[in-house]
C-alpha atoms as a PDB file:
ATOM      1  CA  UNK A   1    -202.825-103.911 -73.407  1.00  0.00           C
ATOM      2  CA  UNK A   2    -205.652-101.777 -74.794  1.00  0.00           C
ATOM      3  CA  UNK A   3    -205.974 -97.983 -74.591  1.00  0.00           C
ATOM      4  CA  UNK A   4    -208.521 -98.028 -71.739  1.00  0.00           C
ATOM      5  CA  UNK A   5    -206.280-100.183 -69.555  1.00  0.00           C
ATOM      6  CA  UNK A   6    -203.278 -97.925 -70.211  1.00  0.00           C
ATOM      7  CA  UNK A   7    -205.313 -94.836 -69.362  1.00  0.00           C
ATOM      8  CA  UNK A   8    -206.530 -96.444 -66.133  1.00  0.00           C
ATOM      9  CA  UNK A   9    -202.955 -97.316 -65.138  1.00  0.00           C
ATOM     10  CA  UNK A  10    -201.745 -93.760 -65.882  1.00  0.00           C
ATOM     11  CA  UNK A  11    -204.571 -92.254 -63.819  1.00  0.00           C
ATOM     12  CA  UNK A  12    -203.871 -94.637 -60.949  1.00  0.00           C
ATOM     13  CA  UNK A  13    -200.147 -93.797 -61.024  1.00  0.00           C
ATOM     14  CA  UNK A  14    -201.017 -90.088 -61.098  1.00  0.00           C
ATOM     15  CA  UNK A  15    -203.231 -90.444 -58.028  1.00  0.00           C
ATOM     16  CA  UNK A  16    -200.521 -92.323 -56.155  1.00  0.00           C
ATOM     17  CA  UNK A  17    -197.856 -89.777 -57.145  1.00  0.00           C
ATOM     18  CA  UNK A  18    -200.079 -86.861 -56.099  1.00  0.00           C
ATOM     19  CA  UNK A  19    -200.788 -88.473 -52.739  1.00  0.00           C
ATOM     20  CA  UNK A  20    -197.088 -89.031 -52.109  1.00  0.00           C
ATOM     21  CA  UNK A  21    -196.241 -85.453 -53.109  1.00  0.00           C
ATOM     22  CA  UNK A  22    -198.921 -84.127 -50.756  1.00  0.00           C
ATOM     23  CA  UNK A  23    -197.486 -86.205 -47.918  1.00  0.00           C
ATOM     24  CA  UNK A  24    -193.849 -85.223 -48.509  1.00  0.00           C
ATOM     25  CA  UNK A  25    -194.323 -81.590 -49.572  1.00  0.00           C
ATOM     26  CA  UNK A  26    -197.303 -80.853 -47.364  1.00  0.00           C
ATOM     27  CA  UNK A  27    -200.595 -79.195 -48.140  1.00  0.00           C
ATOM     28  CA  UNK A  28    -201.875 -79.248 -51.675  1.00  0.00           C
ATOM     29  CA  UNK A  29    -198.544 -79.007 -53.523  1.00  0.00           C
ATOM     30  CA  UNK A  30    -199.101 -82.359 -55.236  1.00  0.00           C
ATOM     31  CA  UNK A  31    -202.201 -80.994 -56.936  1.00  0.00           C
ATOM     32  CA  UNK A  32    -200.348 -77.831 -57.940  1.00  0.00           C
ATOM     33  CA  UNK A  33    -197.595 -79.909 -59.522  1.00  0.00           C
ATOM     34  CA  UNK A  34    -200.205 -82.047 -61.305  1.00  0.00           C
ATOM     35  CA  UNK A  35    -201.801 -78.914 -62.752  1.00  0.00           C
ATOM     36  CA  UNK A  36    -198.393 -77.657 -63.851  1.00  0.00           C
ATOM     37  CA  UNK A  37    -197.620 -80.965 -65.574  1.00  0.00           C
ATOM     38  CA  UNK A  38    -201.005 -80.913 -67.304  1.00  0.00           C
ATOM     39  CA  UNK A  39    -200.321 -77.366 -68.539  1.00  0.00           C
ATOM     40  CA  UNK A  40    -196.957 -78.446 -69.947  1.00  0.00           C
ATOM     41  CA  UNK A  41    -198.550 -81.440 -71.681  1.00  0.00           C
ATOM     42  CA  UNK A  42    -201.143 -79.160 -73.272  1.00  0.00           C
ATOM     43  CA  UNK A  43    -198.541 -76.559 -74.320  1.00  0.00           C
ATOM     44  CA  UNK A  44    -196.394 -79.139 -76.116  1.00  0.00           C
ATOM     45  CA  UNK A  45    -199.399 -80.185 -78.184  1.00  0.00           C
ATOM     46  CA  UNK A  46    -200.427 -83.383 -76.479  1.00  0.00           C
ATOM     47  CA  UNK A  47    -203.267 -84.219 -74.151  1.00  0.00           C
ATOM     48  CA  UNK A  48    -206.264 -83.353 -76.316  1.00  0.00           C
ATOM     49  CA  UNK A  49    -208.100 -86.276 -74.759  1.00  0.00           C
ATOM     50  CA  UNK A  50    -207.527 -84.772 -71.311  1.00  0.00           C
ATOM     51  CA  UNK A  51    -209.763 -81.806 -72.139  1.00  0.00           C
ATOM     52  CA  UNK A  52    -213.182 -82.505 -70.721  1.00  0.00           C
ATOM     53  CA  UNK A  53    -215.903 -82.507 -73.351  1.00  0.00           C
ATOM     54  CA  UNK A  54    -213.423 -82.574 -76.237  1.00  0.00           C
ATOM     55  CA  UNK A  55    -212.471 -86.161 -75.468  1.00  0.00           C
ATOM     56  CA  UNK A  56    -216.065 -87.384 -75.797  1.00  0.00           C
ATOM     57  CA  UNK A  57    -217.040 -85.200 -78.761  1.00  0.00           C
ATOM     58  CA  UNK A  58    -217.722 -86.750 -82.135  1.00  0.00           C
ATOM     59  CA  UNK A  59    -215.472 -85.962 -85.097  1.00  0.00           C
ATOM     60  CA  UNK A  60    -218.065 -83.500 -86.400  1.00  0.00           C
ATOM     61  CA  UNK A  61    -218.088 -81.630 -83.073  1.00  0.00           C
ATOM     62  CA  UNK A  62    -214.276 -81.647 -82.877  1.00  0.00           C
ATOM     63  CA  UNK A  63    -214.114 -80.024 -86.312  1.00  0.00           C
ATOM     64  CA  UNK A  64    -215.893 -76.972 -84.859  1.00  0.00           C
ATOM     65  CA  UNK A  65    -212.916 -76.145 -82.590  1.00  0.00           C
ATOM     66  CA  UNK A  66    -209.428 -74.848 -83.246  1.00  0.00           C
ATOM     67  CA  UNK A  67    -207.575 -77.394 -81.134  1.00  0.00           C
ATOM     68  CA  UNK A  68    -204.406 -75.278 -80.831  1.00  0.00           C
ATOM     69  CA  UNK A  69    -206.353 -72.388 -79.334  1.00  0.00           C
ATOM     70  CA  UNK A  70    -208.303 -74.758 -77.099  1.00  0.00           C
ATOM     71  CA  UNK A  71    -205.037 -76.230 -75.802  1.00  0.00           C
ATOM     72  CA  UNK A  72    -203.676 -72.730 -75.183  1.00  0.00           C
ATOM     73  CA  UNK A  73    -206.751 -71.638 -73.206  1.00  0.00           C
ATOM     74  CA  UNK A  74    -206.795 -74.812 -71.133  1.00  0.00           C
ATOM     75  CA  UNK A  75    -203.014 -74.686 -70.581  1.00  0.00           C
ATOM     76  CA  UNK A  76    -203.184 -71.110 -69.288  1.00  0.00           C
ATOM     77  CA  UNK A  77    -206.092 -72.100 -67.038  1.00  0.00           C
ATOM     78  CA  UNK A  78    -204.045 -75.007 -65.644  1.00  0.00           C
ATOM     79  CA  UNK A  79    -201.071 -72.694 -64.987  1.00  0.00           C
ATOM     80  CA  UNK A  80    -203.275 -70.222 -63.139  1.00  0.00           C
ATOM     81  CA  UNK A  81    -204.871 -73.061 -61.217  1.00  0.00           C
ATOM     82  CA  UNK A  82    -201.435 -74.436 -60.247  1.00  0.00           C
ATOM     83  CA  UNK A  83    -200.430 -71.055 -58.847  1.00  0.00           C
ATOM     84  CA  UNK A  84    -203.694 -70.676 -57.019  1.00  0.00           C
ATOM     85  CA  UNK A  85    -203.484 -74.142 -55.480  1.00  0.00           C
ATOM     86  CA  UNK A  86    -199.850 -73.572 -54.460  1.00  0.00           C
ATOM     87  CA  UNK A  87    -200.872 -70.536 -52.421  1.00  0.00           C
ATOM     88  CA  UNK A  88    -204.163 -71.837 -51.032  1.00  0.00           C
ATOM     89  CA  UNK A  89    -202.809 -71.842 -47.484  1.00  0.00           C
ATOM     90  CA  UNK A  90    -201.831 -68.178 -47.784  1.00  0.00           C
ATOM     91  CA  UNK A  91    -205.000 -66.905 -49.442  1.00  0.00           C
ATOM     92  CA  UNK A  92    -207.577 -69.052 -47.683  1.00  0.00           C
ATOM     93  CA  UNK A  93    -210.245 -71.368 -49.004  1.00  0.00           C
ATOM     94  CA  UNK A  94    -212.881 -68.643 -49.373  1.00  0.00           C
ATOM     95  CA  UNK A  95    -210.708 -66.519 -51.644  1.00  0.00           C
ATOM     96  CA  UNK A  96    -209.681 -69.665 -53.524  1.00  0.00           C
ATOM     97  CA  UNK A  97    -213.309 -70.536 -54.310  1.00  0.00           C
ATOM     98  CA  UNK A  98    -214.117 -66.980 -55.403  1.00  0.00           C
ATOM     99  CA  UNK A  99    -211.065 -66.710 -57.670  1.00  0.00           C
ATOM    100  CA  UNK A 100    -211.695 -70.151 -59.187  1.00  0.00           C
ATOM    101  CA  UNK A 101    -215.284 -69.149 -59.932  1.00  0.00           C
ATOM    102  CA  UNK A 102    -214.080 -65.926 -61.539  1.00  0.00           C
ATOM    103  CA  UNK A 103    -211.540 -67.897 -63.619  1.00  0.00           C
ATOM    104  CA  UNK A 104    -214.075 -70.401 -64.929  1.00  0.00           C
ATOM    105  CA  UNK A 105    -216.381 -67.794 -66.485  1.00  0.00           C
ATOM    106  CA  UNK A 106    -213.759 -66.400 -68.928  1.00  0.00           C
ATOM    107  CA  UNK A 107    -212.576 -69.960 -69.579  1.00  0.00           C
ATOM    108  CA  UNK A 108    -216.033 -70.988 -70.751  1.00  0.00           C
ATOM    109  CA  UNK A 109    -216.424 -67.847 -72.852  1.00  0.00           C
ATOM    110  CA  UNK A 110    -212.998 -68.231 -74.498  1.00  0.00           C
ATOM    111  CA  UNK A 111    -213.502 -71.936 -75.220  1.00  0.00           C
ATOM    112  CA  UNK A 112    -216.873 -71.251 -76.855  1.00  0.00           C
ATOM    113  CA  UNK A 113    -215.853 -68.170 -78.843  1.00  0.00           C
ATOM    114  CA  UNK A 114    -212.133 -67.668 -79.469  1.00  0.00           C
ATOM    115  CA  UNK A 115    -211.306 -71.398 -79.643  1.00  0.00           C
ATOM    116  CA  UNK A 116    -214.052 -72.118 -82.194  1.00  0.00           C
ATOM    117  CA  UNK A 117    -213.342 -72.056 -85.906  1.00  0.00           C
END
């Protein structure tokens, strides 16, 4: 089984698991748990290919980034996102969208400054 097939199977299993969690736990908790799992994967030093843009970058472009710092920034973002998604019913969709927008701006700045070599 090649790498693309394995990745497809993992994504499919993740979608199924998230759907089941949403059904049994209610609301958006499945997505919050997914974000938490992604943060843990990034914190333990795995999942570089799950970072959008980094996974498609050439080796020359990857050399421009400090991957440990990039993982840290993305892991913290995923933790914050998990908390935000977990409380979406309490805070409302409007506040959720505003806070997510305000979180993305520092994420972009940190990834393009602090996480670069």
